[in-house]
């Protein structure tokens, strides 16, 4: 069954994996920048679609970490069929911005990844 990996890229990158026809996540969590290079290939191995929210880059140490996270995502997925960067406004301006969560205990990065996955799930189904 086709699935989506959604990434809320940041110093801590939230992720969510959804099957194409299910609103309940297969998995979710977050990964710090030093572990992204190891985690991303594992998380994406069975996913048909991978979307990553392009973060807003600011100057300074946090901006440097964001650039590093983006570089790792590009290294892992650039050229891979089904991968695309999305701008925050693309999904945050949609009805999925406030979609109910599947349960308690998700942090803000995981929530964004889940809602982004729901948004993309609806786009692919169109």
Protein backbone atom coordinates (compact mmCIF):
# COMPACT_ATOMS: atom_id res chain seq x y z
CA UNK A 1 0.00 0.00 0.00
CA UNK A 2 1.43 3.43 -0.92
CA UNK A 3 2.56 5.61 1.96
CA UNK A 4 3.78 9.14 2.71
CA UNK A 5 6.68 10.31 4.85
CA UNK A 6 6.18 13.93 5.91
CA UNK A 7 9.08 15.86 7.46
CA UNK A 8 8.83 19.05 9.49
CA UNK A 9 12.49 19.94 8.94
CA UNK A 10 14.22 21.75 11.78
CA UNK A 11 16.85 21.50 14.48
CA UNK A 12 14.59 18.70 15.64
CA UNK A 13 12.85 17.24 12.59
CA UNK A 14 9.38 15.87 13.17
CA UNK A 15 8.20 13.03 10.98
CA UNK A 16 5.00 11.14 10.28
CA UNK A 17 4.33 8.14 8.07
CA UNK A 18 0.78 7.67 6.75
CA UNK A 19 -0.66 4.98 4.52
CA UNK A 20 -2.39 6.62 1.56
CA UNK A 21 -5.90 5.60 2.58
CA UNK A 22 -5.64 5.88 6.37
CA UNK A 23 -5.74 8.92 8.66
CA UNK A 24 -4.03 7.01 11.49
CA UNK A 25 -0.22 7.26 11.36
CA UNK A 26 1.92 4.18 10.91
CA UNK A 27 4.68 5.97 12.85
CA UNK A 28 5.67 9.39 14.11
CA UNK A 29 8.47 10.93 16.10
CA UNK A 30 11.34 13.35 15.85
CA UNK A 31 15.04 13.22 15.07
CA UNK A 32 17.83 15.66 15.98
CA UNK A 33 20.12 16.91 13.19
CA UNK A 34 23.12 14.72 14.13
CA UNK A 35 20.99 11.58 13.59
CA UNK A 36 19.11 12.57 10.41
CA UNK A 37 21.60 10.95 8.04
CA UNK A 38 21.03 7.61 9.77
CA UNK A 39 17.29 7.94 10.39
CA UNK A 40 16.02 9.23 7.04
CA UNK A 41 16.94 6.19 4.91
CA UNK A 42 15.34 3.89 7.49
CA UNK A 43 12.16 5.97 7.79
CA UNK A 44 11.71 6.29 4.04
CA UNK A 45 12.52 2.75 2.92
CA UNK A 46 8.88 1.74 2.28
CA UNK A 47 7.47 5.19 1.43
CA UNK A 48 6.26 6.13 -2.04
CA UNK A 49 5.99 9.85 -1.34
CA UNK A 50 8.29 12.02 0.75
CA UNK A 51 7.49 15.63 1.48
CA UNK A 52 9.63 18.01 3.48
CA UNK A 53 8.62 21.45 4.69
CA UNK A 54 11.27 23.99 3.77
CA UNK A 55 12.12 25.89 6.95
CA UNK A 56 12.60 29.62 7.17
CA UNK A 57 16.34 30.17 7.54
CA UNK A 58 17.61 32.73 10.00
CA UNK A 59 21.22 33.82 10.57
CA UNK A 60 23.21 32.36 13.40
CA UNK A 61 23.69 28.96 15.02
CA UNK A 62 20.06 27.92 14.59
CA UNK A 63 20.16 28.87 10.93
CA UNK A 64 23.33 26.84 10.52
CA UNK A 65 21.57 23.80 12.01
CA UNK A 66 18.58 24.31 9.69
CA UNK A 67 20.86 24.48 6.66
CA UNK A 68 22.56 21.28 7.82
CA UNK A 69 19.17 19.55 8.21
CA UNK A 70 18.11 20.68 4.73
CA UNK A 71 21.40 19.47 3.26
CA UNK A 72 20.89 16.03 4.82
CA UNK A 73 17.34 15.81 3.46
CA UNK A 74 18.61 16.81 0.00
CA UNK A 75 21.46 14.30 0.23
CA UNK A 76 19.07 11.47 1.10
CA UNK A 77 16.23 12.29 -1.29
CA UNK A 78 17.28 14.65 -4.09
CA UNK A 79 16.42 12.99 -7.38
CA UNK A 80 14.28 10.32 -5.72
CA UNK A 81 10.92 9.82 -7.39
CA UNK A 82 8.12 11.01 -5.12
CA UNK A 83 10.22 13.56 -3.17
CA UNK A 84 9.34 17.23 -2.99
CA UNK A 85 9.91 20.27 -0.82
CA UNK A 86 6.79 22.18 0.22
CA UNK A 87 6.48 25.70 1.52
CA UNK A 88 4.81 26.15 4.93
CA UNK A 89 1.94 28.20 3.48
CA UNK A 90 1.02 25.39 1.09
CA UNK A 91 -0.38 23.20 3.84
CA UNK A 92 -0.82 25.70 6.70
CA UNK A 93 -3.35 27.65 4.62
CA UNK A 94 -5.43 24.49 4.18
CA UNK A 95 -8.16 22.93 6.29
CA UNK A 96 -5.59 20.41 7.58
CA UNK A 97 -3.83 23.09 9.62
CA UNK A 98 -6.23 22.36 12.49
CA UNK A 99 -6.97 18.70 11.78
CA UNK A 100 -7.64 16.64 14.91
CA UNK A 101 -4.67 14.66 16.12
CA UNK A 102 -4.68 10.85 16.36
CA UNK A 103 -3.88 10.92 20.05
CA UNK A 104 -2.11 12.75 22.82
CA UNK A 105 1.60 13.12 23.27
CA UNK A 106 2.66 14.56 19.91
CA UNK A 107 5.11 17.45 20.10
CA UNK A 108 4.70 20.49 17.79
CA UNK A 109 7.07 19.06 15.14
CA UNK A 110 5.21 15.75 15.06
CA UNK A 111 1.86 17.55 14.89
CA UNK A 112 3.00 19.59 11.90
CA UNK A 113 4.37 16.50 10.15
CA UNK A 114 1.08 14.64 10.74
CA UNK A 115 -1.05 17.50 9.44
CA UNK A 116 1.26 18.00 6.47
CA UNK A 117 0.94 14.27 5.65
CA UNK A 118 -2.87 14.54 5.79
CA UNK A 119 -2.74 17.55 3.47
CA UNK A 120 -0.51 15.72 0.98
CA UNK A 121 -2.64 12.59 1.22
CA UNK A 122 -5.60 14.69 0.03
CA UNK A 123 -3.51 16.24 -2.80
CA UNK A 124 -2.43 12.86 -4.15
CA UNK A 125 -6.00 11.57 -3.99
CA UNK A 126 -7.28 14.47 -6.15
